[in-house]
Amino acid sequence: MNKPHAAPLAELNRHIERVTGRSATARGELRSAAAFHEGWARLSAVEAVHQAVRRGAENAGPLNSHMLVLRTLGLLTELSPDYLRRFMAHTEALLWLDDASARLKPAAKAKKAARP
């Protein structure tokens, strides 16, 4: 039998492991890839906050909860961009979980209704 050829990416990963002694998998990301990922995540979080602040209501009162959150995120952008990035990642994960659970609820109701 012929031995199947390894995918080019798998060959590249093995080569990197041989040369550097490090794995190029998600756990052992290359330093340049990790730095790019960190920088991109930081820029994305800051840009998301800037967009939210621009879309905020102009005539909102000083105790408007939406505007208070936007001001807090704006200050957090200046004070600790790394904390902001982590906070945004957690928030996005919670929103995804909320959306996923909302999609599961109608399916669960449908199953209950189908039972005799």
PDB file of N, CA and C in Angstrom:
ATOM      1  N   MET A   1       0.825  -1.180   0.000  1.00  0.00           N
ATOM      2  CA  MET A   1       0.000   0.000   0.000  1.00  0.00           C
ATOM      3  C   MET A   1       0.868   1.241   0.000  1.00  0.00           C
ATOM      4  N   ASN A   2       0.371   2.259  -0.658  1.00  0.00           N
ATOM      5  CA  ASN A   2       1.090   3.531  -0.661  1.00  0.00           C
ATOM      6  C   ASN A   2       0.785   4.307   0.608  1.00  0.00           C
ATOM      7  N   LYS A   3       1.814   4.902   1.162  1.00  0.00           N
ATOM      8  CA  LYS A   3       1.625   5.715   2.362  1.00  0.00           C
ATOM      9  C   LYS A   3       1.077   7.074   1.918  1.00  0.00           C
ATOM     10  N   PRO A   4      -0.061   7.506   2.470  1.00  0.00           N
ATOM     11  CA  PRO A   4      -0.619   8.790   2.047  1.00  0.00           C
ATOM     12  C   PRO A   4       0.318   9.927   2.428  1.00  0.00           C
ATOM     13  N   HIS A   5       0.378  10.910   1.549  1.00  0.00           N
ATOM     14  CA  HIS A   5       1.222  12.074   1.811  1.00  0.00           C
ATOM     15  C   HIS A   5       0.586  12.929   2.898  1.00  0.00           C
ATOM     16  N   ALA A   6       1.416  13.423   3.793  1.00  0.00           N
ATOM     17  CA  ALA A   6       0.918  14.303   4.851  1.00  0.00           C
ATOM     18  C   ALA A   6       0.543  15.649   4.247  1.00  0.00           C
ATOM     19  N   ALA A   7      -0.409  16.271   4.845  1.00  0.00           N
ATOM     20  CA  ALA A   7      -0.830  17.598   4.391  1.00  0.00           C
ATOM     21  C   ALA A   7       0.342  18.564   4.543  1.00  0.00           C
ATOM     22  N   PRO A   8       0.437  19.550   3.678  1.00  0.00           N
ATOM     23  CA  PRO A   8       1.551  20.504   3.764  1.00  0.00           C
ATOM     24  C   PRO A   8       1.644  21.199   5.117  1.00  0.00           C
ATOM     25  N   LEU A   9       0.506  21.538   5.712  1.00  0.00           N
ATOM     26  CA  LEU A   9       0.543  22.197   7.011  1.00  0.00           C
ATOM     27  C   LEU A   9       1.081  21.263   8.091  1.00  0.00           C
ATOM     28  N   ALA A  10       0.708  19.998   8.028  1.00  0.00           N
ATOM     29  CA  ALA A  10       1.222  19.033   9.002  1.00  0.00           C
ATOM     30  C   ALA A  10       2.733  18.872   8.838  1.00  0.00           C
ATOM     31  N   GLU A  11       3.192  18.857   7.595  1.00  0.00           N
ATOM     32  CA  GLU A  11       4.641  18.771   7.351  1.00  0.00           C
ATOM     33  C   GLU A  11       5.351  19.999   7.898  1.00  0.00           C
ATOM     34  N   LEU A  12       4.767  21.173   7.679  1.00  0.00           N
ATOM     35  CA  LEU A  12       5.357  22.404   8.185  1.00  0.00           C
ATOM     36  C   LEU A  12       5.426  22.382   9.711  1.00  0.00           C
ATOM     37  N   ASN A  13       4.359  21.936  10.353  1.00  0.00           N
ATOM     38  CA  ASN A  13       4.359  21.849  11.814  1.00  0.00           C
ATOM     39  C   ASN A  13       5.437  20.905  12.330  1.00  0.00           C
ATOM     40  N   ARG A  14       5.606  19.761  11.677  1.00  0.00           N
ATOM     41  CA  ARG A  14       6.670  18.826  12.089  1.00  0.00           C
ATOM     42  C   ARG A  14       8.048  19.455  11.896  1.00  0.00           C
ATOM     43  N   HIS A  15       8.223  20.186  10.793  1.00  0.00           N
ATOM     44  CA  HIS A  15       9.505  20.849  10.539  1.00  0.00           C
ATOM     45  C   HIS A  15       9.788  21.889  11.633  1.00  0.00           C
ATOM     46  N   ILE A  16       8.780  22.674  11.989  1.00  0.00           N
ATOM     47  CA  ILE A  16       8.961  23.688  13.024  1.00  0.00           C
ATOM     48  C   ILE A  16       9.310  23.039  14.358  1.00  0.00           C
ATOM     49  N   GLU A  17       8.655  21.926  14.667  1.00  0.00           N
ATOM     50  CA  GLU A  17       8.948  21.217  15.912  1.00  0.00           C
ATOM     51  C   GLU A  17      10.382  20.695  15.922  1.00  0.00           C
ATOM     52  N   ARG A  18      10.847  20.172  14.773  1.00  0.00           N
ATOM     53  CA  ARG A  18      12.218  19.660  14.707  1.00  0.00           C
ATOM     54  C   ARG A  18      13.229  20.788  14.868  1.00  0.00           C
ATOM     55  N   VAL A  19      13.004  21.900  14.200  1.00  0.00           N
ATOM     56  CA  VAL A  19      13.967  22.994  14.200  1.00  0.00           C
ATOM     57  C   VAL A  19      13.988  23.737  15.532  1.00  0.00           C
ATOM     58  N   THR A  20      12.811  24.028  16.079  1.00  0.00           N
ATOM     59  CA  THR A  20      12.752  24.854  17.287  1.00  0.00           C
ATOM     60  C   THR A  20      12.622  24.057  18.565  1.00  0.00           C
ATOM     61  N   GLY A  21      12.195  22.819  18.463  1.00  0.00           N
ATOM     62  CA  GLY A  21      11.948  22.037  19.657  1.00  0.00           C
ATOM     63  C   GLY A  21      10.637  22.402  20.325  1.00  0.00           C
ATOM     64  N   ARG A  22       9.837  23.238  19.648  1.00  0.00           N
ATOM     65  CA  ARG A  22       8.547  23.661  20.173  1.00  0.00           C
ATOM     66  C   ARG A  22       7.445  23.232  19.228  1.00  0.00           C
ATOM     67  N   SER A  23       6.280  22.986  19.795  1.00  0.00           N
ATOM     68  CA  SER A  23       5.115  22.626  19.003  1.00  0.00           C
ATOM     69  C   SER A  23       4.481  23.877  18.427  1.00  0.00           C
ATOM     70  N   ALA A  24       3.949  23.789  17.214  1.00  0.00           N
ATOM     71  CA  ALA A  24       3.284  24.921  16.586  1.00  0.00           C
ATOM     72  C   ALA A  24       1.770  24.804  16.703  1.00  0.00           C
ATOM     73  N   THR A  25       1.302  23.983  17.618  1.00  0.00           N
ATOM     74  CA  THR A  25      -0.140  23.827  17.802  1.00  0.00           C
ATOM     75  C   THR A  25      -0.683  24.988  18.611  1.00  0.00           C
ATOM     76  N   ALA A  26      -1.991  24.990  18.837  1.00  0.00           N
ATOM     77  CA  ALA A  26      -2.646  26.102  19.527  1.00  0.00           C
ATOM     78  C   ALA A  26      -2.054  26.331  20.920  1.00  0.00           C
ATOM     79  N   ARG A  27      -1.685  25.285  21.619  1.00  0.00           N
ATOM     80  CA  ARG A  27      -1.131  25.429  22.964  1.00  0.00           C
ATOM     81  C   ARG A  27       0.270  26.021  22.932  1.00  0.00           C
ATOM     82  N   GLY A  28       1.057  25.637  21.960  1.00  0.00           N
ATOM     83  CA  GLY A  28       2.423  26.117  21.868  1.00  0.00           C
ATOM     84  C   GLY A  28       2.568  27.041  20.676  1.00  0.00           C
ATOM     85  N   GLU A  29       1.775  28.088  20.636  1.00  0.00           N
ATOM     86  CA  GLU A  29       1.767  29.009  19.517  1.00  0.00           C
ATOM     87  C   GLU A  29       3.148  29.628  19.311  1.00  0.00           C
ATOM     88  N   LEU A  30       3.483  29.870  18.077  1.00  0.00           N
ATOM     89  CA  LEU A  30       4.715  30.588  17.803  1.00  0.00           C
ATOM     90  C   LEU A  30       4.627  31.978  18.413  1.00  0.00           C
ATOM     91  N   ARG A  31       5.765  32.511  18.830  1.00  0.00           N
ATOM     92  CA  ARG A  31       5.749  33.818  19.476  1.00  0.00           C
ATOM     93  C   ARG A  31       5.182  34.899  18.570  1.00  0.00           C
ATOM     94  N   SER A  32       5.546  34.882  17.305  1.00  0.00           N
ATOM     95  CA  SER A  32       5.045  35.912  16.397  1.00  0.00           C
ATOM     96  C   SER A  32       3.536  35.794  16.217  1.00  0.00           C
ATOM     97  N   ALA A  33       3.016  34.561  16.148  1.00  0.00           N
ATOM     98  CA  ALA A  33       1.571  34.373  16.016  1.00  0.00           C
ATOM     99  C   ALA A  33       0.864  34.799  17.292  1.00  0.00           C
ATOM    100  N   ALA A  34       1.445  34.485  18.441  1.00  0.00           N
ATOM    101  CA  ALA A  34       0.836  34.881  19.715  1.00  0.00           C
ATOM    102  C   ALA A  34       0.825  36.401  19.855  1.00  0.00           C
ATOM    103  N   ALA A  35       1.917  37.047  19.454  1.00  0.00           N
ATOM    104  CA  ALA A  35       1.976  38.510  19.538  1.00  0.00           C
ATOM    105  C   ALA A  35       0.950  39.143  18.604  1.00  0.00           C
ATOM    106  N   PHE A  36       0.806  38.585  17.402  1.00  0.00           N
ATOM    107  CA  PHE A  36      -0.183  39.095  16.465  1.00  0.00           C
ATOM    108  C   PHE A  36      -1.588  38.915  17.024  1.00  0.00           C
ATOM    109  N   HIS A  37      -1.856  37.739  17.591  1.00  0.00           N
ATOM    110  CA  HIS A  37      -3.171  37.461  18.157  1.00  0.00           C
ATOM    111  C   HIS A  37      -3.492  38.430  19.297  1.00  0.00           C
ATOM    112  N   GLU A  38      -2.535  38.664  20.185  1.00  0.00           N
ATOM    113  CA  GLU A  38      -2.735  39.591  21.303  1.00  0.00           C
ATOM    114  C   GLU A  38      -2.991  41.007  20.801  1.00  0.00           C
ATOM    115  N   GLY A  39      -2.187  41.450  19.843  1.00  0.00           N
ATOM    116  CA  GLY A  39      -2.357  42.798  19.298  1.00  0.00           C
ATOM    117  C   GLY A  39      -3.696  42.971  18.607  1.00  0.00           C
ATOM    118  N   TRP A  40      -4.080  41.973  17.831  1.00  0.00           N
ATOM    119  CA  TRP A  40      -5.354  42.031  17.122  1.00  0.00           C
ATOM    120  C   TRP A  40      -6.526  42.046  18.101  1.00  0.00           C
ATOM    121  N   ALA A  41      -6.462  41.229  19.142  1.00  0.00           N
ATOM    122  CA  ALA A  41      -7.530  41.194  20.141  1.00  0.00           C
ATOM    123  C   ALA A  41      -7.635  42.538  20.858  1.00  0.00           C
ATOM    124  N   ARG A  42      -6.496  43.137  21.176  1.00  0.00           N
ATOM    125  CA  ARG A  42      -6.497  44.432  21.861  1.00  0.00           C
ATOM    126  C   ARG A  42      -7.128  45.506  20.972  1.00  0.00           C
ATOM    127  N   LEU A  43      -6.722  45.543  19.695  1.00  0.00           N
ATOM    128  CA  LEU A  43      -7.277  46.529  18.768  1.00  0.00           C
ATOM    129  C   LEU A  43      -8.772  46.314  18.552  1.00  0.00           C
ATOM    130  N   SER A  44      -9.189  45.072  18.461  1.00  0.00           N
ATOM    131  CA  SER A  44     -10.609  44.776  18.256  1.00  0.00           C
ATOM    132  C   SER A  44     -11.446  45.249  19.434  1.00  0.00           C
ATOM    133  N   ALA A  45     -10.962  45.019  20.654  1.00  0.00           N
ATOM    134  CA  ALA A  45     -11.700  45.437  21.849  1.00  0.00           C
ATOM    135  C   ALA A  45     -11.798  46.954  21.916  1.00  0.00           C
ATOM    136  N   VAL A  46     -10.710  47.634  21.646  1.00  0.00           N
ATOM    137  CA  VAL A  46     -10.707  49.096  21.694  1.00  0.00           C
ATOM    138  C   VAL A  46     -11.631  49.656  20.613  1.00  0.00           C
ATOM    139  N   GLU A  47     -11.575  49.103  19.422  1.00  0.00           N
ATOM    140  CA  GLU A  47     -12.436  49.573  18.320  1.00  0.00           C
ATOM    141  C   GLU A  47     -13.905  49.326  18.644  1.00  0.00           C
ATOM    142  N   ALA A  48     -14.235  48.195  19.248  1.00  0.00           N
ATOM    143  CA  ALA A  48     -15.621  47.915  19.626  1.00  0.00           C
ATOM    144  C   ALA A  48     -16.128  48.937  20.635  1.00  0.00           C
ATOM    145  N   VAL A  49     -15.291  49.323  21.592  1.00  0.00           N
ATOM    146  CA  VAL A  49     -15.690  50.328  22.579  1.00  0.00           C
ATOM    147  C   VAL A  49     -15.879  51.680  21.907  1.00  0.00           C
ATOM    148  N   HIS A  50     -14.965  52.060  21.020  1.00  0.00           N
ATOM    149  CA  HIS A  50     -15.094  53.346  20.322  1.00  0.00           C
ATOM    150  C   HIS A  50     -16.377  53.397  19.494  1.00  0.00           C
ATOM    151  N   GLN A  51     -16.713  52.321  18.826  1.00  0.00           N
ATOM    152  CA  GLN A  51     -17.948  52.282  18.046  1.00  0.00           C
ATOM    153  C   GLN A  51     -19.167  52.406  18.953  1.00  0.00           C
ATOM    154  N   ALA A  52     -19.163  51.725  20.077  1.00  0.00           N
ATOM    155  CA  ALA A  52     -20.294  51.791  21.011  1.00  0.00           C
ATOM    156  C   ALA A  52     -20.457  53.196  21.573  1.00  0.00           C
ATOM    157  N   VAL A  53     -19.346  53.857  21.893  1.00  0.00           N
ATOM    158  CA  VAL A  53     -19.407  55.218  22.424  1.00  0.00           C
ATOM    159  C   VAL A  53     -19.950  56.167  21.362  1.00  0.00           C
ATOM    160  N   ARG A  54     -19.537  55.997  20.106  1.00  0.00           N
ATOM    161  CA  ARG A  54     -20.040  56.861  19.020  1.00  0.00           C
ATOM    162  C   ARG A  54     -21.537  56.686  18.809  1.00  0.00           C
ATOM    163  N   ARG A  55     -22.041  55.467  19.018  1.00  0.00           N
ATOM    164  CA  ARG A  55     -23.466  55.201  18.815  1.00  0.00           C
ATOM    165  C   ARG A  55     -24.311  55.575  20.024  1.00  0.00           C
ATOM    166  N   GLY A  56     -23.709  55.964  21.114  1.00  0.00           N
ATOM    167  CA  GLY A  56     -24.441  56.289  22.332  1.00  0.00           C
ATOM    168  C   GLY A  56     -25.362  57.483  22.137  1.00  0.00           C
ATOM    169  N   ALA A  57     -26.413  57.535  22.945  1.00  0.00           N
ATOM    170  CA  ALA A  57     -27.385  58.627  22.863  1.00  0.00           C
ATOM    171  C   ALA A  57     -26.737  59.939  23.288  1.00  0.00           C
ATOM    172  N   GLU A  58     -27.034  60.999  22.532  1.00  0.00           N
ATOM    173  CA  GLU A  58     -26.437  62.299  22.841  1.00  0.00           C
ATOM    174  C   GLU A  58     -27.142  62.992  23.997  1.00  0.00           C
ATOM    175  N   ASN A  59     -28.432  62.775  24.159  1.00  0.00           N
ATOM    176  CA  ASN A  59     -29.210  63.490  25.161  1.00  0.00           C
ATOM    177  C   ASN A  59     -29.484  62.652  26.408  1.00  0.00           C
ATOM    178  N   ALA A  60     -28.718  61.621  26.630  1.00  0.00           N
ATOM    179  CA  ALA A  60     -28.944  60.766  27.806  1.00  0.00           C
ATOM    180  C   ALA A  60     -28.545  61.522  29.058  1.00  0.00           C
ATOM    181  N   GLY A  61     -29.289  61.295  30.118  1.00  0.00           N
ATOM    182  CA  GLY A  61     -29.009  61.960  31.387  1.00  0.00           C
ATOM    183  C   GLY A  61     -27.754  61.396  32.044  1.00  0.00           C
ATOM    184  N   PRO A  62     -27.311  62.036  33.117  1.00  0.00           N
ATOM    185  CA  PRO A  62     -26.068  61.606  33.776  1.00  0.00           C
ATOM    186  C   PRO A  62     -26.173  60.245  34.461  1.00  0.00           C
ATOM    187  N   LEU A  63     -27.385  59.800  34.757  1.00  0.00           N
ATOM    188  CA  LEU A  63     -27.554  58.507  35.416  1.00  0.00           C
ATOM    189  C   LEU A  63     -28.107  57.440  34.481  1.00  0.00           C
ATOM    190  N   ASN A  64     -28.088  57.697  33.197  1.00  0.00           N
ATOM    191  CA  ASN A  64     -28.536  56.719  32.214  1.00  0.00           C
ATOM    192  C   ASN A  64     -27.576  55.532  32.253  1.00  0.00           C
ATOM    193  N   SER A  65     -28.114  54.339  32.521  1.00  0.00           N
ATOM    194  CA  SER A  65     -27.250  53.167  32.721  1.00  0.00           C
ATOM    195  C   SER A  65     -26.433  52.837  31.476  1.00  0.00           C
ATOM    196  N   HIS A  66     -27.015  52.985  30.301  1.00  0.00           N
ATOM    197  CA  HIS A  66     -26.284  52.694  29.059  1.00  0.00           C
ATOM    198  C   HIS A  66     -25.087  53.633  28.911  1.00  0.00           C
ATOM    199  N   MET A  67     -25.304  54.917  29.166  1.00  0.00           N
ATOM    200  CA  MET A  67     -24.212  55.873  29.045  1.00  0.00           C
ATOM    201  C   MET A  67     -23.152  55.671  30.129  1.00  0.00           C
ATOM    202  N   LEU A  68     -23.579  55.270  31.326  1.00  0.00           N
ATOM    203  CA  LEU A  68     -22.601  54.989  32.389  1.00  0.00           C
ATOM    204  C   LEU A  68     -21.687  53.823  31.996  1.00  0.00           C
ATOM    205  N   VAL A  69     -22.274  52.796  31.397  1.00  0.00           N
ATOM    206  CA  VAL A  69     -21.469  51.650  30.948  1.00  0.00           C
ATOM    207  C   VAL A  69     -20.508  52.084  29.850  1.00  0.00           C
ATOM    208  N   LEU A  70     -20.995  52.888  28.907  1.00  0.00           N
ATOM    209  CA  LEU A  70     -20.123  53.348  27.816  1.00  0.00           C
ATOM    210  C   LEU A  70     -18.982  54.207  28.341  1.00  0.00           C
ATOM    211  N   ARG A  71     -19.273  55.088  29.286  1.00  0.00           N
ATOM    212  CA  ARG A  71     -18.202  55.917  29.866  1.00  0.00           C
ATOM    213  C   ARG A  71     -17.182  55.049  30.599  1.00  0.00           C
ATOM    214  N   THR A  72     -17.685  54.052  31.333  1.00  0.00           N
ATOM    215  CA  THR A  72     -16.784  53.156  32.061  1.00  0.00           C
ATOM    216  C   THR A  72     -15.885  52.397  31.099  1.00  0.00           C
ATOM    217  N   LEU A  73     -16.459  51.878  30.017  1.00  0.00           N
ATOM    218  CA  LEU A  73     -15.647  51.169  29.028  1.00  0.00           C
ATOM    219  C   LEU A  73     -14.641  52.099  28.361  1.00  0.00           C
ATOM    220  N   GLY A  74     -15.044  53.344  28.114  1.00  0.00           N
ATOM    221  CA  GLY A  74     -14.112  54.321  27.549  1.00  0.00           C
ATOM    222  C   GLY A  74     -12.933  54.580  28.469  1.00  0.00           C
ATOM    223  N   LEU A  75     -13.210  54.733  29.759  1.00  0.00           N
ATOM    224  CA  LEU A  75     -12.128  54.927  30.724  1.00  0.00           C
ATOM    225  C   LEU A  75     -11.251  53.690  30.837  1.00  0.00           C
ATOM    226  N   LEU A  76     -11.877  52.526  30.777  1.00  0.00           N
ATOM    227  CA  LEU A  76     -11.132  51.279  30.864  1.00  0.00           C
ATOM    228  C   LEU A  76     -10.195  51.125  29.666  1.00  0.00           C
ATOM    229  N   THR A  77     -10.609  51.647  28.521  1.00  0.00           N
ATOM    230  CA  THR A  77      -9.764  51.611  27.327  1.00  0.00           C
ATOM    231  C   THR A  77      -8.458  52.347  27.581  1.00  0.00           C
ATOM    232  N   GLU A  78      -8.554  53.478  28.263  1.00  0.00           N
ATOM    233  CA  GLU A  78      -7.359  54.278  28.544  1.00  0.00           C
ATOM    234  C   GLU A  78      -6.532  53.707  29.687  1.00  0.00           C
ATOM    235  N   LEU A  79      -7.212  53.201  30.722  1.00  0.00           N
ATOM    236  CA  LEU A  79      -6.496  52.766  31.920  1.00  0.00           C
ATOM    237  C   LEU A  79      -5.863  51.388  31.794  1.00  0.00           C
ATOM    238  N   SER A  80      -6.599  50.428  31.212  1.00  0.00           N
ATOM    239  CA  SER A  80      -6.085  49.060  31.147  1.00  0.00           C
ATOM    240  C   SER A  80      -6.627  48.332  29.928  1.00  0.00           C
ATOM    241  N   PRO A  81      -5.979  48.501  28.776  1.00  0.00           N
ATOM    242  CA  PRO A  81      -6.450  47.829  27.565  1.00  0.00           C
ATOM    243  C   PRO A  81      -6.449  46.304  27.683  1.00  0.00           C
ATOM    244  N   ASP A  82      -5.521  45.746  28.434  1.00  0.00           N
ATOM    245  CA  ASP A  82      -5.480  44.288  28.584  1.00  0.00           C
ATOM    246  C   ASP A  82      -6.694  43.787  29.372  1.00  0.00           C
ATOM    247  N   TYR A  83      -7.039  44.503  30.442  1.00  0.00           N
ATOM    248  CA  TYR A  83      -8.225  44.112  31.211  1.00  0.00           C
ATOM    249  C   TYR A  83      -9.475  44.268  30.357  1.00  0.00           C
ATOM    250  N   LEU A  84      -9.538  45.339  29.569  1.00  0.00           N
ATOM    251  CA  LEU A  84     -10.676  45.554  28.676  1.00  0.00           C
ATOM    252  C   LEU A  84     -10.816  44.392  27.700  1.00  0.00           C
ATOM    253  N   ARG A  85      -9.697  43.946  27.142  1.00  0.00           N
ATOM    254  CA  ARG A  85      -9.732  42.829  26.189  1.00  0.00           C
ATOM    255  C   ARG A  85     -10.278  41.574  26.858  1.00  0.00           C
ATOM    256  N   ARG A  86      -9.820  41.294  28.053  1.00  0.00           N
ATOM    257  CA  ARG A  86     -10.319  40.110  28.767  1.00  0.00           C
ATOM    258  C   ARG A  86     -11.801  40.247  29.112  1.00  0.00           C
ATOM    259  N   PHE A  87     -12.178  41.443  29.556  1.00  0.00           N
ATOM    260  CA  PHE A  87     -13.576  41.698  29.889  1.00  0.00           C
ATOM    261  C   PHE A  87     -14.461  41.513  28.655  1.00  0.00           C
ATOM    262  N   MET A  88     -14.030  42.034  27.521  1.00  0.00           N
ATOM    263  CA  MET A  88     -14.808  41.905  26.281  1.00  0.00           C
ATOM    264  C   MET A  88     -14.904  40.439  25.856  1.00  0.00           C
ATOM    265  N   ALA A  89     -13.838  39.685  26.022  1.00  0.00           N
ATOM    266  CA  ALA A  89     -13.870  38.262  25.663  1.00  0.00           C
ATOM    267  C   ALA A  89     -14.869  37.510  26.537  1.00  0.00           C
ATOM    268  N   HIS A  90     -14.872  37.799  27.830  1.00  0.00           N
ATOM    269  CA  HIS A  90     -15.830  37.150  28.739  1.00  0.00           C
ATOM    270  C   HIS A  90     -17.263  37.562  28.392  1.00  0.00           C
ATOM    271  N   THR A  91     -17.457  38.834  28.093  1.00  0.00           N
ATOM    272  CA  THR A  91     -18.781  39.330  27.744  1.00  0.00           C
ATOM    273  C   THR A  91     -19.294  38.665  26.470  1.00  0.00           C
ATOM    274  N   GLU A  92     -18.424  38.555  25.466  1.00  0.00           N
ATOM    275  CA  GLU A  92     -18.827  37.903  24.222  1.00  0.00           C
ATOM    276  C   GLU A  92     -19.159  36.429  24.450  1.00  0.00           C
ATOM    277  N   ALA A  93     -18.403  35.777  25.320  1.00  0.00           N
ATOM    278  CA  ALA A  93     -18.699  34.375  25.626  1.00  0.00           C
ATOM    279  C   ALA A  93     -20.052  34.241  26.318  1.00  0.00           C
ATOM    280  N   LEU A  94     -20.339  35.142  27.252  1.00  0.00           N
ATOM    281  CA  LEU A  94     -21.637  35.105  27.929  1.00  0.00           C
ATOM    282  C   LEU A  94     -22.784  35.384  26.964  1.00  0.00           C
ATOM    283  N   LEU A  95     -22.590  36.328  26.044  1.00  0.00           N
ATOM    284  CA  LEU A  95     -23.621  36.606  25.042  1.00  0.00           C
ATOM    285  C   LEU A  95     -23.847  35.402  24.143  1.00  0.00           C
ATOM    286  N   TRP A  96     -22.764  34.717  23.775  1.00  0.00           N
ATOM    287  CA  TRP A  96     -22.896  33.526  22.934  1.00  0.00           C
ATOM    288  C   TRP A  96     -23.672  32.441  23.681  1.00  0.00           C
ATOM    289  N   LEU A  97     -23.344  32.245  24.960  1.00  0.00           N
ATOM    290  CA  LEU A  97     -24.046  31.241  25.753  1.00  0.00           C
ATOM    291  C   LEU A  97     -25.528  31.588  25.900  1.00  0.00           C
ATOM    292  N   ASP A  98     -25.821  32.864  26.099  1.00  0.00           N
ATOM    293  CA  ASP A  98     -27.213  33.298  26.210  1.00  0.00           C
ATOM    294  C   ASP A  98     -27.964  33.032  24.907  1.00  0.00           C
ATOM    295  N   ASP A  99     -27.330  33.340  23.800  1.00  0.00           N
ATOM    296  CA  ASP A  99     -27.948  33.096  22.492  1.00  0.00           C
ATOM    297  C   ASP A  99     -28.145  31.595  22.258  1.00  0.00           C
ATOM    298  N   ALA A 100     -27.152  30.806  22.617  1.00  0.00           N
ATOM    299  CA  ALA A 100     -27.255  29.354  22.426  1.00  0.00           C
ATOM    300  C   ALA A 100     -28.364  28.762  23.293  1.00  0.00           C
ATOM    301  N   SER A 101     -28.492  29.239  24.535  1.00  0.00           N
ATOM    302  CA  SER A 101     -29.550  28.710  25.396  1.00  0.00           C
ATOM    303  C   SER A 101     -30.924  29.141  24.893  1.00  0.00           C
ATOM    304  N   ALA A 102     -31.026  30.335  24.312  1.00  0.00           N
ATOM    305  CA  ALA A 102     -32.305  30.785  23.748  1.00  0.00           C
ATOM    306  C   ALA A 102     -32.701  29.921  22.555  1.00  0.00           C
ATOM    307  N   ARG A 103     -31.705  29.487  21.780  1.00  0.00           N
ATOM    308  CA  ARG A 103     -32.008  28.618  20.635  1.00  0.00           C
ATOM    309  C   ARG A 103     -32.396  27.214  21.093  1.00  0.00           C
ATOM    310  N   LEU A 104     -31.898  26.772  22.230  1.00  0.00           N
ATOM    311  CA  LEU A 104     -32.215  25.435  22.730  1.00  0.00           C
ATOM    312  C   LEU A 104     -33.600  25.376  23.367  1.00  0.00           C
ATOM    313  N   LYS A 105     -34.071  26.452  23.943  1.00  0.00           N
ATOM    314  CA  LYS A 105     -35.367  26.453  24.619  1.00  0.00           C
ATOM    315  C   LYS A 105     -36.520  26.099  23.680  1.00  0.00           C
ATOM    316  N   PRO A 106     -36.623  26.685  22.478  1.00  0.00           N
ATOM    317  CA  PRO A 106     -37.713  26.273  21.586  1.00  0.00           C
ATOM    318  C   PRO A 106     -37.627  24.804  21.191  1.00  0.00           C
ATOM    319  N   ALA A 107     -36.425  24.290  21.030  1.00  0.00           N
ATOM    320  CA  ALA A 107     -36.257  22.875  20.680  1.00  0.00           C
ATOM    321  C   ALA A 107     -36.731  21.991  21.830  1.00  0.00           C
ATOM    322  N   ALA A 108     -36.437  22.382  23.059  1.00  0.00           N
ATOM    323  CA  ALA A 108     -36.877  21.599  24.218  1.00  0.00           C
ATOM    324  C   ALA A 108     -38.399  21.642  24.350  1.00  0.00           C
ATOM    325  N   LYS A 109     -38.996  22.792  24.082  1.00  0.00           N
ATOM    326  CA  LYS A 109     -40.460  22.907  24.148  1.00  0.00           C
ATOM    327  C   LYS A 109     -41.114  22.056  23.069  1.00  0.00           C
ATOM    328  N   ALA A 110     -40.514  22.031  21.898  1.00  0.00           N
ATOM    329  CA  ALA A 110     -41.052  21.227  20.798  1.00  0.00           C
ATOM    330  C   ALA A 110     -41.023  19.741  21.147  1.00  0.00           C
ATOM    331  N   LYS A 111     -39.951  19.284  21.802  1.00  0.00           N
ATOM    332  CA  LYS A 111     -39.850  17.886  22.208  1.00  0.00           C
ATOM    333  C   LYS A 111     -40.919  17.526  23.231  1.00  0.00           C
ATOM    334  N   LYS A 112     -41.156  18.450  24.193  1.00  0.00           N
ATOM    335  CA  LYS A 112     -42.178  18.202  25.205  1.00  0.00           C
ATOM    336  C   LYS A 112     -43.566  18.145  24.583  1.00  0.00           C
ATOM    337  N   ALA A 113     -43.823  19.008  23.619  1.00  0.00           N
ATOM    338  CA  ALA A 113     -45.127  19.053  22.962  1.00  0.00           C
ATOM    339  C   ALA A 113     -45.340  17.801  22.107  1.00  0.00           C
ATOM    340  N   ALA A 114     -44.276  17.231  21.577  1.00  0.00           N
ATOM    341  CA  ALA A 114     -44.384  16.047  20.705  1.00  0.00           C
ATOM    342  C   ALA A 114     -44.674  14.774  21.490  1.00  0.00           C
ATOM    343  N   ARG A 115     -44.362  14.775  22.783  1.00  0.00           N
ATOM    344  CA  ARG A 115     -44.598  13.565  23.599  1.00  0.00           C
ATOM    345  C   ARG A 115     -46.093  13.414  23.864  1.00  0.00           C
ATOM    346  N   PRO A 116     -46.641  12.175  23.762  1.00  0.00           N
ATOM    347  CA  PRO A 116     -48.070  11.966  24.016  1.00  0.00           C
ATOM    348  C   PRO A 116     -48.406  11.997  25.490  1.00  0.00           C
TER     349      PRO A 116
END
